[in-house]
PDB file of N, CA and C in Angstrom:
ATOM      1  N   MET A   1      42.944   0.905 -12.266  1.00  0.00           N
ATOM      2  CA  MET A   1      42.053   0.817 -11.138  1.00  0.00           C
ATOM      3  C   MET A   1      42.504  -0.252 -10.153  1.00  0.00           C
ATOM      4  N   GLY A   2      43.285  -1.175 -10.591  1.00  0.00           N
ATOM      5  CA  GLY A   2      43.737  -2.227  -9.698  1.00  0.00           C
ATOM      6  C   GLY A   2      42.731  -3.358  -9.632  1.00  0.00           C
ATOM      7  N   ASN A   3      43.136  -4.443  -9.047  1.00  0.00           N
ATOM      8  CA  ASN A   3      42.249  -5.599  -8.942  1.00  0.00           C
ATOM      9  C   ASN A   3      41.492  -5.522  -7.629  1.00  0.00           C
ATOM     10  N   ILE A   4      40.262  -5.037  -7.680  1.00  0.00           N
ATOM     11  CA  ILE A   4      39.476  -4.926  -6.457  1.00  0.00           C
ATOM     12  C   ILE A   4      38.497  -6.087  -6.307  1.00  0.00           C
ATOM     13  N   GLU A   5      38.478  -6.973  -7.273  1.00  0.00           N
ATOM     14  CA  GLU A   5      37.604  -8.140  -7.194  1.00  0.00           C
ATOM     15  C   GLU A   5      38.422  -9.328  -6.706  1.00  0.00           C
ATOM     16  N   ARG A   6      37.828 -10.097  -5.838  1.00  0.00           N
ATOM     17  CA  ARG A   6      38.491 -11.292  -5.323  1.00  0.00           C
ATOM     18  C   ARG A   6      37.671 -12.514  -5.736  1.00  0.00           C
ATOM     19  N   PRO A   7      38.332 -13.511  -6.353  1.00  0.00           N
ATOM     20  CA  PRO A   7      37.584 -14.700  -6.812  1.00  0.00           C
ATOM     21  C   PRO A   7      36.791 -15.383  -5.704  1.00  0.00           C
ATOM     22  N   SER A   8      37.308 -15.385  -4.485  1.00  0.00           N
ATOM     23  CA  SER A   8      36.585 -16.034  -3.387  1.00  0.00           C
ATOM     24  C   SER A   8      35.257 -15.319  -3.106  1.00  0.00           C
ATOM     25  N   GLU A   9      35.241 -13.991  -3.266  1.00  0.00           N
ATOM     26  CA  GLU A   9      34.001 -13.243  -3.053  1.00  0.00           C
ATOM     27  C   GLU A   9      32.978 -13.567  -4.131  1.00  0.00           C
ATOM     28  N   ARG A  10      33.466 -13.748  -5.363  1.00  0.00           N
ATOM     29  CA  ARG A  10      32.564 -14.108  -6.450  1.00  0.00           C
ATOM     30  C   ARG A  10      31.927 -15.464  -6.175  1.00  0.00           C
ATOM     31  N   GLN A  11      32.715 -16.410  -5.735  1.00  0.00           N
ATOM     32  CA  GLN A  11      32.192 -17.746  -5.428  1.00  0.00           C
ATOM     33  C   GLN A  11      31.193 -17.682  -4.272  1.00  0.00           C
ATOM     34  N   ALA A  12      31.496 -16.871  -3.258  1.00  0.00           N
ATOM     35  CA  ALA A  12      30.581 -16.731  -2.119  1.00  0.00           C
ATOM     36  C   ALA A  12      29.249 -16.134  -2.574  1.00  0.00           C
ATOM     37  N   PHE A  13      29.309 -15.143  -3.465  1.00  0.00           N
ATOM     38  CA  PHE A  13      28.081 -14.531  -3.972  1.00  0.00           C
ATOM     39  C   PHE A  13      27.262 -15.536  -4.783  1.00  0.00           C
ATOM     40  N   LEU A  14      27.929 -16.297  -5.638  1.00  0.00           N
ATOM     41  CA  LEU A  14      27.213 -17.290  -6.448  1.00  0.00           C
ATOM     42  C   LEU A  14      26.555 -18.348  -5.562  1.00  0.00           C
ATOM     43  N   LYS A  15      27.227 -18.731  -4.494  1.00  0.00           N
ATOM     44  CA  LYS A  15      26.640 -19.695  -3.557  1.00  0.00           C
ATOM     45  C   LYS A  15      25.420 -19.077  -2.860  1.00  0.00           C
ATOM     46  N   GLU A  16      25.567 -17.804  -2.470  1.00  0.00           N
ATOM     47  CA  GLU A  16      24.454 -17.081  -1.849  1.00  0.00           C
ATOM     48  C   GLU A  16      23.273 -16.972  -2.818  1.00  0.00           C
ATOM     49  N   LEU A  17      23.570 -16.745  -4.076  1.00  0.00           N
ATOM     50  CA  LEU A  17      22.548 -16.577  -5.103  1.00  0.00           C
ATOM     51  C   LEU A  17      21.730 -17.851  -5.315  1.00  0.00           C
ATOM     52  N   THR A  18      22.375 -19.000  -5.235  1.00  0.00           N
ATOM     53  CA  THR A  18      21.635 -20.252  -5.449  1.00  0.00           C
ATOM     54  C   THR A  18      20.578 -20.475  -4.372  1.00  0.00           C
ATOM     55  N   GLY A  19      20.786 -19.882  -3.186  1.00  0.00           N
ATOM     56  CA  GLY A  19      19.791 -20.005  -2.121  1.00  0.00           C
ATOM     57  C   GLY A  19      18.602 -19.072  -2.308  1.00  0.00           C
ATOM     58  N   LEU A  20      18.665 -18.209  -3.296  1.00  0.00           N
ATOM     59  CA  LEU A  20      17.593 -17.240  -3.531  1.00  0.00           C
ATOM     60  C   LEU A  20      16.696 -17.647  -4.703  1.00  0.00           C
ATOM     61  N   TRP A  21      16.490 -18.912  -4.902  1.00  0.00           N
ATOM     62  CA  TRP A  21      15.618 -19.353  -5.979  1.00  0.00           C
ATOM     63  C   TRP A  21      14.316 -19.812  -5.389  1.00  0.00           C
ATOM     64  N   PRO A  22      13.198 -19.503  -5.897  1.00  0.00           N
ATOM     65  CA  PRO A  22      12.876 -18.783  -7.125  1.00  0.00           C
ATOM     66  C   PRO A  22      12.988 -17.276  -6.927  1.00  0.00           C
ATOM     67  N   LEU A  23      13.091 -16.546  -8.031  1.00  0.00           N
ATOM     68  CA  LEU A  23      13.215 -15.088  -8.017  1.00  0.00           C
ATOM     69  C   LEU A  23      12.108 -14.442  -8.850  1.00  0.00           C
ATOM     70  N   ALA A  24      11.624 -13.308  -8.363  1.00  0.00           N
ATOM     71  CA  ALA A  24      10.662 -12.521  -9.141  1.00  0.00           C
ATOM     72  C   ALA A  24      10.784 -11.070  -8.699  1.00  0.00           C
ATOM     73  N   LYS A  25      10.489 -10.162  -9.604  1.00  0.00           N
ATOM     74  CA  LYS A  25      10.458  -8.744  -9.271  1.00  0.00           C
ATOM     75  C   LYS A  25       9.070  -8.235  -9.624  1.00  0.00           C
ATOM     76  N   GLY A  26       8.406  -7.704  -8.630  1.00  0.00           N
ATOM     77  CA  GLY A  26       7.053  -7.212  -8.827  1.00  0.00           C
ATOM     78  C   GLY A  26       6.342  -7.145  -7.494  1.00  0.00           C
ATOM     79  N   SER A  27       5.030  -7.073  -7.537  1.00  0.00           N
ATOM     80  CA  SER A  27       4.250  -7.038  -6.300  1.00  0.00           C
ATOM     81  C   SER A  27       2.988  -7.865  -6.469  1.00  0.00           C
ATOM     82  N   LEU A  28       2.461  -8.259  -5.340  1.00  0.00           N
ATOM     83  CA  LEU A  28       1.257  -9.086  -5.318  1.00  0.00           C
ATOM     84  C   LEU A  28       0.168  -8.299  -4.599  1.00  0.00           C
ATOM     85  N   ALA A  29      -0.996  -8.199  -5.200  1.00  0.00           N
ATOM     86  CA  ALA A  29      -2.118  -7.477  -4.593  1.00  0.00           C
ATOM     87  C   ALA A  29      -3.329  -8.399  -4.506  1.00  0.00           C
ATOM     88  N   GLU A  30      -4.039  -8.273  -3.403  1.00  0.00           N
ATOM     89  CA  GLU A  30      -5.284  -9.025  -3.229  1.00  0.00           C
ATOM     90  C   GLU A  30      -6.439  -8.101  -3.571  1.00  0.00           C
ATOM     91  N   VAL A  31      -7.320  -8.574  -4.425  1.00  0.00           N
ATOM     92  CA  VAL A  31      -8.505  -7.815  -4.806  1.00  0.00           C
ATOM     93  C   VAL A  31      -9.730  -8.689  -4.594  1.00  0.00           C
ATOM     94  N   HIS A  32     -10.883  -8.058  -4.547  1.00  0.00           N
ATOM     95  CA  HIS A  32     -12.144  -8.790  -4.421  1.00  0.00           C
ATOM     96  C   HIS A  32     -13.020  -8.363  -5.580  1.00  0.00           C
ATOM     97  N   LYS A  33     -13.420  -9.357  -6.392  1.00  0.00           N
ATOM     98  CA  LYS A  33     -14.150  -9.070  -7.625  1.00  0.00           C
ATOM     99  C   LYS A  33     -15.426  -9.904  -7.678  1.00  0.00           C
ATOM    100  N   PRO A  34     -16.443  -9.379  -8.359  1.00  0.00           N
ATOM    101  CA  PRO A  34     -17.658 -10.180  -8.538  1.00  0.00           C
ATOM    102  C   PRO A  34     -17.418 -11.261  -9.601  1.00  0.00           C
ATOM    103  N   CYS A  35     -18.171 -12.317  -9.517  1.00  0.00           N
ATOM    104  CA  CYS A  35     -18.061 -13.385 -10.507  1.00  0.00           C
ATOM    105  C   CYS A  35     -19.171 -13.228 -11.555  1.00  0.00           C
ATOM    106  N   ILE A  36     -19.254 -14.185 -12.457  1.00  0.00           N
ATOM    107  CA  ILE A  36     -20.247 -14.103 -13.530  1.00  0.00           C
ATOM    108  C   ILE A  36     -21.501 -14.932 -13.231  1.00  0.00           C
ATOM    109  N   ARG A  37     -21.499 -15.638 -12.092  1.00  0.00           N
ATOM    110  CA  ARG A  37     -22.654 -16.492 -11.783  1.00  0.00           C
ATOM    111  C   ARG A  37     -23.847 -15.649 -11.317  1.00  0.00           C
ATOM    112  N   PRO A  38     -24.983 -15.866 -11.895  1.00  0.00           N
ATOM    113  CA  PRO A  38     -26.167 -15.144 -11.397  1.00  0.00           C
ATOM    114  C   PRO A  38     -26.552 -15.694 -10.021  1.00  0.00           C
ATOM    115  N   ASN A  39     -27.005 -14.833  -9.155  1.00  0.00           N
ATOM    116  CA  ASN A  39     -27.466 -15.210  -7.813  1.00  0.00           C
ATOM    117  C   ASN A  39     -26.364 -15.785  -6.931  1.00  0.00           C
ATOM    118  N   CYS A  40     -25.123 -15.374  -7.127  1.00  0.00           N
ATOM    119  CA  CYS A  40     -24.016 -15.835  -6.281  1.00  0.00           C
ATOM    120  C   CYS A  40     -24.181 -15.215  -4.891  1.00  0.00           C
ATOM    121  N   PRO A  41     -24.237 -16.040  -3.836  1.00  0.00           N
ATOM    122  CA  PRO A  41     -24.442 -15.490  -2.486  1.00  0.00           C
ATOM    123  C   PRO A  41     -23.323 -14.533  -2.059  1.00  0.00           C
ATOM    124  N   ALA A  42     -22.096 -14.844  -2.403  1.00  0.00           N
ATOM    125  CA  ALA A  42     -20.977 -13.973  -2.007  1.00  0.00           C
ATOM    126  C   ALA A  42     -21.072 -12.616  -2.698  1.00  0.00           C
ATOM    127  N   CYS A  43     -21.397 -12.625  -3.954  1.00  0.00           N
ATOM    128  CA  CYS A  43     -21.501 -11.354  -4.692  1.00  0.00           C
ATOM    129  C   CYS A  43     -22.709 -10.543  -4.227  1.00  0.00           C
ATOM    130  N   ARG A  44     -23.825 -11.239  -3.978  1.00  0.00           N
ATOM    131  CA  ARG A  44     -25.020 -10.529  -3.524  1.00  0.00           C
ATOM    132  C   ARG A  44     -24.805  -9.885  -2.161  1.00  0.00           C
ATOM    133  N   SER A  45     -24.022 -10.538  -1.302  1.00  0.00           N
ATOM    134  CA  SER A  45     -23.790  -9.988   0.040  1.00  0.00           C
ATOM    135  C   SER A  45     -22.746  -8.876   0.033  1.00  0.00           C
ATOM    136  N   GLY A  46     -22.023  -8.708  -1.089  1.00  0.00           N
ATOM    137  CA  GLY A  46     -21.010  -7.662  -1.181  1.00  0.00           C
ATOM    138  C   GLY A  46     -19.602  -8.140  -0.884  1.00  0.00           C
ATOM    139  N   ARG A  47     -19.456  -9.402  -0.445  1.00  0.00           N
ATOM    140  CA  ARG A  47     -18.114  -9.930  -0.135  1.00  0.00           C
ATOM    141  C   ARG A  47     -17.288 -10.128  -1.389  1.00  0.00           C
ATOM    142  N   LYS A  48     -17.919 -10.561  -2.438  1.00  0.00           N
ATOM    143  CA  LYS A  48     -17.274 -10.867  -3.717  1.00  0.00           C
ATOM    144  C   LYS A  48     -16.264 -12.005  -3.551  1.00  0.00           C
ATOM    145  N   HIS A  49     -15.343 -12.153  -4.509  1.00  0.00           N
ATOM    146  CA  HIS A  49     -14.410 -13.277  -4.496  1.00  0.00           C
ATOM    147  C   HIS A  49     -12.974 -12.779  -4.483  1.00  0.00           C
ATOM    148  N   ARG A  50     -12.150 -13.421  -3.696  1.00  0.00           N
ATOM    149  CA  ARG A  50     -10.743 -13.050  -3.562  1.00  0.00           C
ATOM    150  C   ARG A  50      -9.985 -13.447  -4.828  1.00  0.00           C
ATOM    151  N   ALA A  51      -9.114 -12.546  -5.274  1.00  0.00           N
ATOM    152  CA  ALA A  51      -8.238 -12.841  -6.409  1.00  0.00           C
ATOM    153  C   ALA A  51      -6.886 -12.180  -6.130  1.00  0.00           C
ATOM    154  N   LEU A  52      -5.839 -12.764  -6.671  1.00  0.00           N
ATOM    155  CA  LEU A  52      -4.499 -12.212  -6.530  1.00  0.00           C
ATOM    156  C   LEU A  52      -4.003 -11.730  -7.882  1.00  0.00           C
ATOM    157  N   ILE A  53      -3.360 -10.565  -7.868  1.00  0.00           N
ATOM    158  CA  ILE A  53      -2.819  -9.993  -9.101  1.00  0.00           C
ATOM    159  C   ILE A  53      -1.336  -9.719  -8.900  1.00  0.00           C
ATOM    160  N   PHE A  54      -0.528 -10.221  -9.821  1.00  0.00           N
ATOM    161  CA  PHE A  54       0.915  -9.975  -9.829  1.00  0.00           C
ATOM    162  C   PHE A  54       1.180  -8.822 -10.789  1.00  0.00           C
ATOM    163  N   SER A  55       1.781  -7.741 -10.288  1.00  0.00           N
ATOM    164  CA  SER A  55       2.113  -6.575 -11.110  1.00  0.00           C
ATOM    165  C   SER A  55       3.616  -6.537 -11.315  1.00  0.00           C
ATOM    166  N   PHE A  56       4.042  -6.256 -12.545  1.00  0.00           N
ATOM    167  CA  PHE A  56       5.462  -6.235 -12.856  1.00  0.00           C
ATOM    168  C   PHE A  56       5.692  -5.333 -14.060  1.00  0.00           C
ATOM    169  N   SER A  57       6.930  -4.947 -14.271  1.00  0.00           N
ATOM    170  CA  SER A  57       7.282  -4.116 -15.420  1.00  0.00           C
ATOM    171  C   SER A  57       7.803  -5.004 -16.535  1.00  0.00           C
ATOM    172  N   GLN A  58       7.384  -4.694 -17.733  1.00  0.00           N
ATOM    173  CA  GLN A  58       7.866  -5.384 -18.929  1.00  0.00           C
ATOM    174  C   GLN A  58       8.261  -4.295 -19.911  1.00  0.00           C
ATOM    175  N   GLY A  59       9.558  -4.069 -19.986  1.00  0.00           N
ATOM    176  CA  GLY A  59      10.023  -2.926 -20.753  1.00  0.00           C
ATOM    177  C   GLY A  59       9.602  -1.661 -20.025  1.00  0.00           C
ATOM    178  N   ARG A  60       8.943  -0.782 -20.728  1.00  0.00           N
ATOM    179  CA  ARG A  60       8.452   0.450 -20.105  1.00  0.00           C
ATOM    180  C   ARG A  60       7.005   0.342 -19.650  1.00  0.00           C
ATOM    181  N   ARG A  61       6.404  -0.805 -19.844  1.00  0.00           N
ATOM    182  CA  ARG A  61       4.990  -0.980 -19.517  1.00  0.00           C
ATOM    183  C   ARG A  61       4.810  -1.717 -18.199  1.00  0.00           C
ATOM    184  N   ARG A  62       3.745  -1.377 -17.498  1.00  0.00           N
ATOM    185  CA  ARG A  62       3.352  -2.075 -16.284  1.00  0.00           C
ATOM    186  C   ARG A  62       2.347  -3.133 -16.692  1.00  0.00           C
ATOM    187  N   ARG A  63       2.567  -4.368 -16.267  1.00  0.00           N
ATOM    188  CA  ARG A  63       1.682  -5.474 -16.622  1.00  0.00           C
ATOM    189  C   ARG A  63       1.109  -6.089 -15.353  1.00  0.00           C
ATOM    190  N   CYS A  64      -0.021  -6.747 -15.495  1.00  0.00           N
ATOM    191  CA  CYS A  64      -0.666  -7.438 -14.380  1.00  0.00           C
ATOM    192  C   CYS A  64      -1.152  -8.794 -14.869  1.00  0.00           C
ATOM    193  N   LEU A  65      -0.994  -9.799 -14.021  1.00  0.00           N
ATOM    194  CA  LEU A  65      -1.478 -11.138 -14.325  1.00  0.00           C
ATOM    195  C   LEU A  65      -2.209 -11.689 -13.108  1.00  0.00           C
ATOM    196  N   TYR A  66      -3.292 -12.394 -13.356  1.00  0.00           N
ATOM    197  CA  TYR A  66      -3.958 -13.099 -12.272  1.00  0.00           C
ATOM    198  C   TYR A  66      -3.096 -14.282 -11.855  1.00  0.00           C
ATOM    199  N   VAL A  67      -3.090 -14.562 -10.556  1.00  0.00           N
ATOM    200  CA  VAL A  67      -2.257 -15.616  -9.991  1.00  0.00           C
ATOM    201  C   VAL A  67      -3.148 -16.758  -9.516  1.00  0.00           C
ATOM    202  N   PRO A  68      -2.899 -17.970  -9.984  1.00  0.00           N
ATOM    203  CA  PRO A  68      -3.659 -19.112  -9.466  1.00  0.00           C
ATOM    204  C   PRO A  68      -3.383 -19.288  -7.966  1.00  0.00           C
ATOM    205  N   VAL A  69      -4.400 -19.670  -7.217  1.00  0.00           N
ATOM    206  CA  VAL A  69      -4.289 -19.813  -5.761  1.00  0.00           C
ATOM    207  C   VAL A  69      -3.128 -20.733  -5.396  1.00  0.00           C
ATOM    208  N   GLU A  70      -2.943 -21.804  -6.149  1.00  0.00           N
ATOM    209  CA  GLU A  70      -1.896 -22.776  -5.803  1.00  0.00           C
ATOM    210  C   GLU A  70      -0.482 -22.223  -6.021  1.00  0.00           C
ATOM    211  N   LEU A  71      -0.358 -21.094  -6.687  1.00  0.00           N
ATOM    212  CA  LEU A  71       0.950 -20.496  -6.944  1.00  0.00           C
ATOM    213  C   LEU A  71       1.281 -19.367  -5.959  1.00  0.00           C
ATOM    214  N   GLU A  72       0.339 -19.002  -5.105  1.00  0.00           N
ATOM    215  CA  GLU A  72       0.515 -17.850  -4.216  1.00  0.00           C
ATOM    216  C   GLU A  72       1.755 -17.959  -3.327  1.00  0.00           C
ATOM    217  N   ALA A  73       1.920 -19.053  -2.608  1.00  0.00           N
ATOM    218  CA  ALA A  73       3.047 -19.187  -1.674  1.00  0.00           C
ATOM    219  C   ALA A  73       4.387 -19.115  -2.406  1.00  0.00           C
ATOM    220  N   LEU A  74       4.493 -19.803  -3.532  1.00  0.00           N
ATOM    221  CA  LEU A  74       5.741 -19.799  -4.300  1.00  0.00           C
ATOM    222  C   LEU A  74       6.050 -18.405  -4.835  1.00  0.00           C
ATOM    223  N   LEU A  75       5.037 -17.696  -5.319  1.00  0.00           N
ATOM    224  CA  LEU A  75       5.252 -16.350  -5.854  1.00  0.00           C
ATOM    225  C   LEU A  75       5.622 -15.377  -4.737  1.00  0.00           C
ATOM    226  N   ARG A  76       5.002 -15.500  -3.571  1.00  0.00           N
ATOM    227  CA  ARG A  76       5.379 -14.644  -2.436  1.00  0.00           C
ATOM    228  C   ARG A  76       6.850 -14.860  -2.077  1.00  0.00           C
ATOM    229  N   GLN A  77       7.300 -16.108  -2.069  1.00  0.00           N
ATOM    230  CA  GLN A  77       8.698 -16.416  -1.776  1.00  0.00           C
ATOM    231  C   GLN A  77       9.613 -15.838  -2.854  1.00  0.00           C
ATOM    232  N   ALA A  78       9.224 -15.963  -4.111  1.00  0.00           N
ATOM    233  CA  ALA A  78      10.029 -15.436  -5.217  1.00  0.00           C
ATOM    234  C   ALA A  78      10.170 -13.920  -5.124  1.00  0.00           C
ATOM    235  N   ILE A  79       9.108 -13.225  -4.769  1.00  0.00           N
ATOM    236  CA  ILE A  79       9.159 -11.770  -4.629  1.00  0.00           C
ATOM    237  C   ILE A  79      10.068 -11.382  -3.465  1.00  0.00           C
ATOM    238  N   ALA A  80       9.935 -12.078  -2.340  1.00  0.00           N
ATOM    239  CA  ALA A  80      10.804 -11.806  -1.184  1.00  0.00           C
ATOM    240  C   ALA A  80      12.271 -12.042  -1.550  1.00  0.00           C
ATOM    241  N   ASN A  81      12.553 -13.127  -2.269  1.00  0.00           N
ATOM    242  CA  ASN A  81      13.923 -13.407  -2.699  1.00  0.00           C
ATOM    243  C   ASN A  81      14.433 -12.330  -3.650  1.00  0.00           C
ATOM    244  N   GLY A  82      13.573 -11.848  -4.544  1.00  0.00           N
ATOM    245  CA  GLY A  82      13.962 -10.785  -5.463  1.00  0.00           C
ATOM    246  C   GLY A  82      14.334  -9.514  -4.710  1.00  0.00           C
ATOM    247  N   ARG A  83      13.606  -9.209  -3.665  1.00  0.00           N
ATOM    248  CA  ARG A  83      13.913  -8.015  -2.858  1.00  0.00           C
ATOM    249  C   ARG A  83      15.224  -8.196  -2.105  1.00  0.00           C
ATOM    250  N   ARG A  84      15.469  -9.406  -1.610  1.00  0.00           N
ATOM    251  CA  ARG A  84      16.757  -9.676  -0.946  1.00  0.00           C
ATOM    252  C   ARG A  84      17.911  -9.500  -1.931  1.00  0.00           C
ATOM    253  N   LEU A  85      17.729  -9.988  -3.154  1.00  0.00           N
ATOM    254  CA  LEU A  85      18.772  -9.852  -4.169  1.00  0.00           C
ATOM    255  C   LEU A  85      19.032  -8.380  -4.490  1.00  0.00           C
ATOM    256  N   GLU A  86      17.992  -7.590  -4.631  1.00  0.00           N
ATOM    257  CA  GLU A  86      18.178  -6.163  -4.906  1.00  0.00           C
ATOM    258  C   GLU A  86      18.950  -5.470  -3.783  1.00  0.00           C
ATOM    259  N   ARG A  87      18.613  -5.789  -2.515  1.00  0.00           N
ATOM    260  CA  ARG A  87      19.348  -5.210  -1.387  1.00  0.00           C
ATOM    261  C   ARG A  87      20.811  -5.629  -1.416  1.00  0.00           C
ATOM    262  N   ARG A  88      21.046  -6.896  -1.716  1.00  0.00           N
ATOM    263  CA  ARG A  88      22.419  -7.415  -1.753  1.00  0.00           C
ATOM    264  C   ARG A  88      23.229  -6.752  -2.862  1.00  0.00           C
ATOM    265  N   LEU A  89      22.630  -6.542  -4.016  1.00  0.00           N
ATOM    266  CA  LEU A  89      23.327  -5.876  -5.117  1.00  0.00           C
ATOM    267  C   LEU A  89      23.697  -4.445  -4.735  1.00  0.00           C
ATOM    268  N   SER A  90      22.830  -3.752  -4.016  1.00  0.00           N
ATOM    269  CA  SER A  90      23.152  -2.402  -3.548  1.00  0.00           C
ATOM    270  C   SER A  90      24.332  -2.441  -2.585  1.00  0.00           C
ATOM    271  N   GLU A  91      24.320  -3.413  -1.688  1.00  0.00           N
ATOM    272  CA  GLU A  91      25.434  -3.556  -0.746  1.00  0.00           C
ATOM    273  C   GLU A  91      26.743  -3.819  -1.484  1.00  0.00           C
ATOM    274  N   LEU A  92      26.687  -4.683  -2.491  1.00  0.00           N
ATOM    275  CA  LEU A  92      27.901  -4.998  -3.247  1.00  0.00           C
ATOM    276  C   LEU A  92      28.445  -3.775  -3.969  1.00  0.00           C
ATOM    277  N   GLY A  93      27.577  -2.932  -4.479  1.00  0.00           N
ATOM    278  CA  GLY A  93      28.020  -1.702  -5.130  1.00  0.00           C
ATOM    279  C   GLY A  93      28.744  -0.785  -4.161  1.00  0.00           C
ATOM    280  N   MET A  94      28.179  -0.627  -2.961  1.00  0.00           N
ATOM    281  CA  MET A  94      28.835   0.204  -1.945  1.00  0.00           C
ATOM    282  C   MET A  94      30.180  -0.383  -1.541  1.00  0.00           C
ATOM    283  N   GLU A  95      30.227  -1.705  -1.363  1.00  0.00           N
ATOM    284  CA  GLU A  95      31.484  -2.363  -0.985  1.00  0.00           C
ATOM    285  C   GLU A  95      32.544  -2.178  -2.062  1.00  0.00           C
ATOM    286  N   LEU A  96      32.163  -2.257  -3.308  1.00  0.00           N
ATOM    287  CA  LEU A  96      33.102  -2.079  -4.412  1.00  0.00           C
ATOM    288  C   LEU A  96      33.739  -0.682  -4.374  1.00  0.00           C
ATOM    289  N   ILE A  97      32.916   0.336  -4.161  1.00  0.00           N
ATOM    290  CA  ILE A  97      33.424   1.706  -4.100  1.00  0.00           C
ATOM    291  C   ILE A  97      34.319   1.895  -2.873  1.00  0.00           C
ATOM    292  N   GLU A  98      33.897   1.375  -1.731  1.00  0.00           N
ATOM    293  CA  GLU A  98      34.700   1.513  -0.509  1.00  0.00           C
ATOM    294  C   GLU A  98      36.046   0.810  -0.656  1.00  0.00           C
ATOM    295  N   ARG A  99      36.051  -0.365  -1.263  1.00  0.00           N
ATOM    296  CA  ARG A  99      37.304  -1.097  -1.466  1.00  0.00           C
ATOM    297  C   ARG A  99      38.235  -0.323  -2.397  1.00  0.00           C
ATOM    298  N   HIS A 100      37.664   0.255  -3.436  1.00  0.00           N
ATOM    299  CA  HIS A 100      38.460   1.059  -4.369  1.00  0.00           C
ATOM    300  C   HIS A 100      39.078   2.259  -3.646  1.00  0.00           C
ATOM    301  N   ARG A 101      38.312   2.910  -2.812  1.00  0.00           N
ATOM    302  CA  ARG A 101      38.825   4.062  -2.067  1.00  0.00           C
ATOM    303  C   ARG A 101      39.949   3.662  -1.124  1.00  0.00           C
ATOM    304  N   ARG A 102      39.801   2.516  -0.467  1.00  0.00           N
ATOM    305  CA  ARG A 102      40.859   2.049   0.449  1.00  0.00           C
ATOM    306  C   ARG A 102      42.147   1.750  -0.322  1.00  0.00           C
ATOM    307  N   GLN A 103      42.027   1.163  -1.504  1.00  0.00           N
ATOM    308  CA  GLN A 103      43.212   0.831  -2.303  1.00  0.00           C
ATOM    309  C   GLN A 103      43.925   2.069  -2.810  1.00  0.00           C
ATOM    310  N   ARG A 104      43.202   3.146  -3.031  1.00  0.00           N
ATOM    311  CA  ARG A 104      43.815   4.373  -3.533  1.00  0.00           C
ATOM    312  C   ARG A 104      44.654   5.063  -2.469  1.00  0.00           C
ATOM    313  N   ARG A 105      44.364   4.820  -1.208  1.00  0.00           N
ATOM    314  CA  ARG A 105      45.109   5.485  -0.113  1.00  0.00           C
ATOM    315  C   ARG A 105      46.484   4.905   0.048  1.00  0.00           C
TER     316      ARG A 105
END
């Protein structure tokens, strides 16, 4: 197949990867749920309480976890970084095939 990998590209990717921390794969959903307090004004009015749920795959199962409010910004950044990484990996796959095709000519 020939040597289609270049060490400088590997180093560039690793440097790019360090800028993508933190990483997460999943999604964040905002829901509104009633609380357990009797006579809660928000629940009585129908507004309920805001909650965030992180959904992700674990093996073949879909899992959900409640997200503490103080973790919301960091988790949103991690999810965005995870999506950037997935796009970059797709690009690298296409580049690998294109480089191989050019070398065969």
